[in-house]
């Protein structure tokens, strides 16, 4: 079947850029929320690991913040997308059980997972430091 708007197909790298920036901004929000709620997260008893120290929560927020910045500027996009995939998957699985400490709903975690998976396979898009090989 023919495309309805074939003149817009040359903008395909821009669509990947929009997905990359949206995933990066979502991860920035997650890093901010983890930093603000670190006391509540540290006082929550988790299923396998028990209680998590506050420094570990801050370290996780730092990793997510670095991945978010890398996604927004388009550097090491696939490595940062793997962090987004792991966090989205974790959020999808545990959002219902630990609702008070998860920054995203399960549906938003699923969207972050899908956006990051798309970035892993498609690359950074336009306006990025990553070069397609």
N, C-alpha and C. Protein backbone atom coordinates (compact mmCIF):
# COMPACT_ATOMS: atom_id res chain seq x y z
N UNK A 1 0.83 -1.16 0.00
CA UNK A 1 0.00 0.00 0.00
C UNK A 1 0.89 1.24 0.00
N UNK A 2 0.49 2.21 -0.73
CA UNK A 2 1.25 3.45 -0.82
C UNK A 2 1.07 4.28 0.44
N UNK A 3 2.10 5.05 0.76
CA UNK A 3 2.04 5.94 1.91
C UNK A 3 1.11 7.11 1.61
N UNK A 4 0.37 7.54 2.61
CA UNK A 4 -0.54 8.68 2.41
C UNK A 4 0.22 9.99 2.22
N UNK A 5 1.31 10.14 2.93
CA UNK A 5 2.10 11.37 2.86
C UNK A 5 3.55 11.03 2.57
N UNK A 6 3.88 10.68 1.33
CA UNK A 6 5.26 10.27 1.03
C UNK A 6 6.26 11.41 1.18
N UNK A 7 5.81 12.63 1.13
CA UNK A 7 6.72 13.76 1.29
C UNK A 7 7.26 13.90 2.70
N UNK A 8 6.62 13.27 3.67
CA UNK A 8 7.06 13.37 5.06
C UNK A 8 8.07 12.29 5.43
N UNK A 9 8.34 11.34 4.57
CA UNK A 9 9.21 10.22 4.92
C UNK A 9 10.66 10.64 5.10
N UNK A 10 11.05 11.77 4.55
CA UNK A 10 12.43 12.22 4.73
C UNK A 10 12.65 12.74 6.16
N UNK A 11 11.60 12.92 6.93
CA UNK A 11 11.71 13.37 8.31
C UNK A 11 11.81 12.22 9.31
N UNK A 12 12.04 11.00 8.85
CA UNK A 12 12.10 9.83 9.74
C UNK A 12 13.17 9.97 10.82
N UNK A 13 14.37 10.49 10.54
CA UNK A 13 15.35 10.66 11.64
C UNK A 13 14.87 11.64 12.71
N UNK A 14 14.02 12.58 12.34
CA UNK A 14 13.50 13.51 13.34
C UNK A 14 12.55 12.80 14.31
N UNK A 15 11.84 11.80 13.84
CA UNK A 15 10.95 11.04 14.72
C UNK A 15 11.76 10.30 15.79
N UNK A 16 12.89 9.73 15.39
CA UNK A 16 13.76 9.06 16.36
C UNK A 16 14.31 10.06 17.37
N UNK A 17 14.61 11.27 16.89
CA UNK A 17 15.09 12.31 17.80
C UNK A 17 14.03 12.67 18.84
N UNK A 18 12.79 12.78 18.41
CA UNK A 18 11.70 13.09 19.35
C UNK A 18 11.53 11.98 20.39
N UNK A 19 11.64 10.73 19.97
CA UNK A 19 11.55 9.61 20.90
C UNK A 19 12.71 9.65 21.89
N UNK A 20 13.91 9.95 21.39
CA UNK A 20 15.11 10.01 22.25
C UNK A 20 14.98 11.10 23.30
N UNK A 21 14.52 12.27 22.90
CA UNK A 21 14.38 13.38 23.85
C UNK A 21 13.26 13.10 24.85
N UNK A 22 12.16 12.51 24.41
CA UNK A 22 11.07 12.18 25.33
C UNK A 22 11.51 11.14 26.35
N UNK A 23 12.24 10.13 25.92
CA UNK A 23 12.74 9.13 26.87
C UNK A 23 13.74 9.76 27.83
N UNK A 24 14.59 10.65 27.35
CA UNK A 24 15.54 11.32 28.21
C UNK A 24 14.86 12.20 29.25
N UNK A 25 13.85 12.94 28.84
CA UNK A 25 13.13 13.79 29.79
C UNK A 25 12.37 12.96 30.83
N UNK A 26 11.85 11.81 30.40
CA UNK A 26 11.19 10.92 31.35
C UNK A 26 12.18 10.40 32.38
N UNK A 27 13.37 10.03 31.93
CA UNK A 27 14.39 9.56 32.87
C UNK A 27 14.89 10.68 33.78
N UNK A 28 14.93 11.91 33.27
CA UNK A 28 15.28 13.05 34.13
C UNK A 28 14.26 13.21 35.26
N UNK A 29 12.99 13.06 34.94
CA UNK A 29 11.95 13.12 35.96
C UNK A 29 12.13 11.99 36.98
N UNK A 30 12.46 10.81 36.50
CA UNK A 30 12.64 9.67 37.40
C UNK A 30 13.81 9.92 38.34
N UNK A 31 14.92 10.44 37.82
CA UNK A 31 16.09 10.72 38.66
C UNK A 31 15.76 11.77 39.71
N UNK A 32 15.02 12.79 39.32
CA UNK A 32 14.61 13.82 40.28
C UNK A 32 13.71 13.24 41.36
N UNK A 33 12.75 12.42 40.96
CA UNK A 33 11.81 11.85 41.93
C UNK A 33 12.52 10.89 42.88
N UNK A 34 13.49 10.12 42.38
CA UNK A 34 14.24 9.23 43.26
C UNK A 34 15.06 10.02 44.27
N UNK A 35 15.61 11.15 43.84
CA UNK A 35 16.40 11.97 44.74
C UNK A 35 15.52 12.57 45.83
N UNK A 36 14.34 13.05 45.46
CA UNK A 36 13.45 13.67 46.44
C UNK A 36 12.89 12.63 47.42
N UNK A 37 12.55 11.44 46.94
CA UNK A 37 11.90 10.42 47.77
C UNK A 37 12.88 9.39 48.32
N UNK A 38 14.17 9.72 48.41
CA UNK A 38 15.15 8.73 48.84
C UNK A 38 14.92 8.24 50.27
N UNK A 39 14.42 9.09 51.14
CA UNK A 39 14.15 8.66 52.51
C UNK A 39 13.02 7.64 52.58
N UNK A 40 11.98 7.89 51.83
CA UNK A 40 10.84 6.97 51.80
C UNK A 40 11.24 5.64 51.15
N UNK A 41 12.06 5.72 50.10
CA UNK A 41 12.51 4.49 49.44
C UNK A 41 13.41 3.69 50.37
N UNK A 42 14.29 4.38 51.11
CA UNK A 42 15.19 3.69 52.04
C UNK A 42 14.45 3.04 53.20
N UNK A 43 13.30 3.57 53.57
CA UNK A 43 12.55 2.99 54.69
C UNK A 43 11.60 1.87 54.25
N UNK A 44 11.46 1.66 52.95
CA UNK A 44 10.58 0.60 52.44
C UNK A 44 11.32 -0.73 52.41
N UNK A 45 10.66 -1.78 52.87
CA UNK A 45 11.25 -3.12 52.84
C UNK A 45 10.84 -3.80 51.54
N UNK A 46 11.84 -4.13 50.72
CA UNK A 46 11.58 -4.75 49.43
C UNK A 46 11.63 -6.26 49.55
N UNK A 47 11.11 -6.94 48.55
CA UNK A 47 10.88 -8.37 48.59
C UNK A 47 12.17 -9.17 48.80
N UNK A 48 13.15 -9.02 47.95
CA UNK A 48 14.34 -9.85 48.01
C UNK A 48 15.48 -9.18 48.77
N UNK A 49 15.67 -7.89 48.55
CA UNK A 49 16.86 -7.21 49.10
C UNK A 49 16.62 -6.57 50.45
N UNK A 50 15.41 -6.46 50.90
CA UNK A 50 15.13 -5.82 52.18
C UNK A 50 15.16 -4.31 52.07
N UNK A 51 15.79 -3.66 53.03
CA UNK A 51 15.90 -2.20 53.01
C UNK A 51 17.14 -1.78 52.22
N UNK A 52 17.01 -0.67 51.51
CA UNK A 52 18.10 -0.16 50.68
C UNK A 52 18.64 1.10 51.35
N UNK A 53 19.97 1.23 51.50
CA UNK A 53 20.50 2.46 52.08
C UNK A 53 20.29 3.66 51.16
N UNK A 54 20.26 4.85 51.77
CA UNK A 54 20.00 6.07 50.99
C UNK A 54 21.08 6.33 49.96
N UNK A 55 22.32 6.01 50.26
CA UNK A 55 23.39 6.25 49.30
C UNK A 55 23.20 5.40 48.04
N UNK A 56 22.62 4.23 48.20
CA UNK A 56 22.38 3.38 47.04
C UNK A 56 21.27 3.95 46.16
N UNK A 57 20.27 4.54 46.79
CA UNK A 57 19.20 5.20 46.04
C UNK A 57 19.76 6.39 45.28
N UNK A 58 20.64 7.17 45.92
CA UNK A 58 21.27 8.30 45.24
C UNK A 58 22.17 7.85 44.10
N UNK A 59 22.87 6.73 44.28
CA UNK A 59 23.70 6.19 43.21
C UNK A 59 22.84 5.77 42.01
N UNK A 60 21.71 5.13 42.29
CA UNK A 60 20.79 4.77 41.21
C UNK A 60 20.23 5.98 40.50
N UNK A 61 19.91 7.03 41.27
CA UNK A 61 19.43 8.27 40.67
C UNK A 61 20.51 8.91 39.81
N UNK A 62 21.77 8.81 40.23
CA UNK A 62 22.87 9.37 39.45
C UNK A 62 23.05 8.61 38.14
N UNK A 63 22.94 7.30 38.18
CA UNK A 63 23.05 6.49 36.95
C UNK A 63 21.92 6.85 35.99
N UNK A 64 20.72 6.99 36.51
CA UNK A 64 19.58 7.34 35.66
C UNK A 64 19.73 8.75 35.12
N UNK A 65 20.25 9.68 35.94
CA UNK A 65 20.48 11.06 35.49
C UNK A 65 21.50 11.10 34.36
N UNK A 66 22.59 10.36 34.50
CA UNK A 66 23.61 10.33 33.44
C UNK A 66 23.03 9.74 32.16
N UNK A 67 22.25 8.66 32.28
CA UNK A 67 21.61 8.08 31.09
C UNK A 67 20.65 9.06 30.45
N UNK A 68 19.92 9.82 31.26
CA UNK A 68 18.97 10.80 30.73
C UNK A 68 19.69 11.91 29.98
N UNK A 69 20.78 12.42 30.53
CA UNK A 69 21.54 13.46 29.85
C UNK A 69 22.13 12.93 28.55
N UNK A 70 22.64 11.71 28.58
CA UNK A 70 23.18 11.11 27.36
C UNK A 70 22.10 10.96 26.28
N UNK A 71 20.90 10.60 26.69
CA UNK A 71 19.81 10.49 25.72
C UNK A 71 19.43 11.85 25.15
N UNK A 72 19.35 12.85 25.99
CA UNK A 72 18.93 14.17 25.51
C UNK A 72 19.95 14.74 24.53
N UNK A 73 21.25 14.59 24.82
CA UNK A 73 22.25 15.15 23.90
C UNK A 73 22.59 14.19 22.76
N UNK A 74 22.21 12.94 22.85
CA UNK A 74 22.43 11.99 21.77
C UNK A 74 23.82 11.39 21.76
N UNK A 75 24.38 11.13 22.91
CA UNK A 75 25.71 10.53 23.03
C UNK A 75 25.57 9.17 23.70
N UNK A 76 26.20 8.15 23.12
CA UNK A 76 26.08 6.78 23.62
C UNK A 76 24.61 6.41 23.83
N UNK A 77 23.83 6.63 22.81
CA UNK A 77 22.38 6.47 22.91
C UNK A 77 21.98 5.04 23.22
N UNK A 78 22.64 4.07 22.59
CA UNK A 78 22.24 2.69 22.80
C UNK A 78 22.56 2.21 24.21
N UNK A 79 23.67 2.66 24.78
CA UNK A 79 24.00 2.29 26.16
C UNK A 79 23.00 2.92 27.13
N UNK A 80 22.64 4.18 26.88
CA UNK A 80 21.66 4.85 27.74
C UNK A 80 20.28 4.23 27.55
N UNK A 81 19.98 3.75 26.36
CA UNK A 81 18.69 3.11 26.12
C UNK A 81 18.58 1.81 26.91
N UNK A 82 19.69 1.13 27.12
CA UNK A 82 19.66 -0.10 27.93
C UNK A 82 19.26 0.23 29.37
N UNK A 83 19.74 1.35 29.90
CA UNK A 83 19.32 1.78 31.24
C UNK A 83 17.82 2.06 31.25
N UNK A 84 17.33 2.72 30.20
CA UNK A 84 15.90 2.99 30.09
C UNK A 84 15.08 1.70 29.98
N UNK A 85 15.59 0.73 29.26
CA UNK A 85 14.91 -0.56 29.13
C UNK A 85 14.81 -1.23 30.50
N UNK A 86 15.92 -1.27 31.23
CA UNK A 86 15.91 -1.92 32.53
C UNK A 86 15.00 -1.21 33.52
N UNK A 87 15.03 0.12 33.52
CA UNK A 87 14.16 0.83 34.46
C UNK A 87 12.69 0.69 34.07
N UNK A 88 12.38 0.75 32.77
CA UNK A 88 11.00 0.58 32.34
C UNK A 88 10.47 -0.80 32.68
N UNK A 89 11.32 -1.81 32.51
CA UNK A 89 10.92 -3.18 32.85
C UNK A 89 10.70 -3.32 34.36
N UNK A 90 11.60 -2.74 35.15
CA UNK A 90 11.44 -2.78 36.61
C UNK A 90 10.17 -2.07 37.04
N UNK A 91 9.90 -0.94 36.40
CA UNK A 91 8.70 -0.19 36.75
C UNK A 91 7.42 -0.92 36.36
N UNK A 92 7.44 -1.61 35.22
CA UNK A 92 6.26 -2.38 34.81
C UNK A 92 5.97 -3.51 35.80
N UNK A 93 7.02 -4.15 36.29
CA UNK A 93 6.84 -5.32 37.14
C UNK A 93 6.42 -4.92 38.56
N UNK A 94 7.08 -3.89 39.12
CA UNK A 94 6.89 -3.59 40.54
C UNK A 94 6.01 -2.37 40.82
N UNK A 95 5.43 -1.75 39.81
CA UNK A 95 4.64 -0.53 40.04
C UNK A 95 3.40 -0.78 40.90
N UNK A 96 2.80 -1.92 40.77
CA UNK A 96 1.58 -2.19 41.54
C UNK A 96 1.90 -2.51 43.00
N UNK A 97 2.96 -3.29 43.22
CA UNK A 97 3.28 -3.72 44.59
C UNK A 97 3.90 -2.58 45.42
N UNK A 98 4.78 -1.79 44.80
CA UNK A 98 5.46 -0.70 45.52
C UNK A 98 5.02 0.64 44.93
N UNK A 99 3.74 0.89 44.96
CA UNK A 99 3.16 2.08 44.35
C UNK A 99 3.68 3.37 44.98
N UNK A 100 3.98 3.34 46.27
CA UNK A 100 4.39 4.58 46.94
C UNK A 100 5.81 5.01 46.62
N UNK A 101 6.67 4.11 46.14
CA UNK A 101 8.06 4.49 45.85
C UNK A 101 8.42 4.43 44.37
N UNK A 102 7.54 3.93 43.54
CA UNK A 102 7.82 3.91 42.10
C UNK A 102 7.41 5.24 41.49
N UNK A 103 8.32 5.90 40.79
CA UNK A 103 7.99 7.22 40.25
C UNK A 103 7.04 7.20 39.06
N UNK A 104 6.96 6.09 38.36
CA UNK A 104 6.10 6.00 37.17
C UNK A 104 5.04 4.93 37.37
N UNK A 105 3.91 5.11 36.71
CA UNK A 105 2.88 4.08 36.68
C UNK A 105 3.35 2.94 35.77
N UNK A 106 2.69 1.81 35.86
CA UNK A 106 3.08 0.66 35.05
C UNK A 106 2.93 0.95 33.56
N UNK A 107 1.90 1.68 33.18
CA UNK A 107 1.71 2.00 31.77
C UNK A 107 2.79 2.95 31.25
N UNK A 108 3.21 3.90 32.08
CA UNK A 108 4.29 4.80 31.68
C UNK A 108 5.61 4.05 31.62
N UNK A 109 5.81 3.11 32.53
CA UNK A 109 7.00 2.25 32.46
C UNK A 109 7.02 1.43 31.19
N UNK A 110 5.85 0.96 30.76
CA UNK A 110 5.78 0.21 29.50
C UNK A 110 6.13 1.11 28.31
N UNK A 111 5.64 2.35 28.33
CA UNK A 111 5.99 3.28 27.25
C UNK A 111 7.48 3.59 27.24
N UNK A 112 8.08 3.78 28.42
CA UNK A 112 9.52 4.02 28.50
C UNK A 112 10.29 2.81 28.00
N UNK A 113 9.83 1.62 28.33
CA UNK A 113 10.45 0.38 27.86
C UNK A 113 10.41 0.31 26.34
N UNK A 114 9.27 0.60 25.74
CA UNK A 114 9.12 0.51 24.29
C UNK A 114 9.93 1.60 23.59
N UNK A 115 9.92 2.83 24.13
CA UNK A 115 10.72 3.89 23.52
C UNK A 115 12.21 3.56 23.58
N UNK A 116 12.67 3.05 24.71
CA UNK A 116 14.09 2.71 24.85
C UNK A 116 14.46 1.53 23.97
N UNK A 117 13.58 0.57 23.84
CA UNK A 117 13.84 -0.57 22.95
C UNK A 117 13.92 -0.10 21.50
N UNK A 118 13.06 0.83 21.12
CA UNK A 118 13.12 1.40 19.78
C UNK A 118 14.44 2.13 19.55
N UNK A 119 14.90 2.86 20.55
CA UNK A 119 16.18 3.56 20.41
C UNK A 119 17.35 2.61 20.34
N UNK A 120 17.25 1.49 21.03
CA UNK A 120 18.32 0.50 20.98
C UNK A 120 18.50 -0.04 19.56
N UNK A 121 17.39 -0.24 18.85
CA UNK A 121 17.47 -0.80 17.50
C UNK A 121 17.64 0.25 16.41
N UNK A 122 17.09 1.45 16.61
CA UNK A 122 17.11 2.43 15.53
C UNK A 122 18.25 3.43 15.63
N UNK A 123 18.83 3.62 16.80
CA UNK A 123 19.91 4.58 16.94
C UNK A 123 19.41 5.92 17.42
N UNK A 124 20.29 6.93 17.32
CA UNK A 124 20.03 8.22 17.94
C UNK A 124 19.17 9.15 17.13
N UNK A 125 19.16 9.02 15.83
CA UNK A 125 18.38 9.94 14.99
C UNK A 125 19.18 11.18 14.65
N UNK A 126 18.48 12.23 14.32
CA UNK A 126 19.13 13.49 13.93
C UNK A 126 19.57 14.27 15.15
N UNK A 127 20.47 15.22 14.94
CA UNK A 127 20.95 16.13 15.99
C UNK A 127 21.56 15.36 17.16
N UNK A 128 22.42 14.40 16.88
CA UNK A 128 23.06 13.60 17.92
C UNK A 128 24.56 13.52 17.65
N UNK A 129 25.30 13.18 18.69
CA UNK A 129 26.73 12.99 18.54
C UNK A 129 27.07 11.59 18.06
N UNK A 130 26.15 10.63 18.25
CA UNK A 130 26.35 9.28 17.75
C UNK A 130 26.33 9.28 16.24
N UNK A 131 27.24 8.55 15.65
CA UNK A 131 27.27 8.44 14.20
C UNK A 131 26.74 7.08 13.79
N UNK A 132 25.85 7.03 12.80
CA UNK A 132 25.37 5.73 12.31
C UNK A 132 26.50 5.03 11.55
N UNK A 133 26.64 3.75 11.78
CA UNK A 133 27.68 2.98 11.07
C UNK A 133 27.09 2.18 9.94
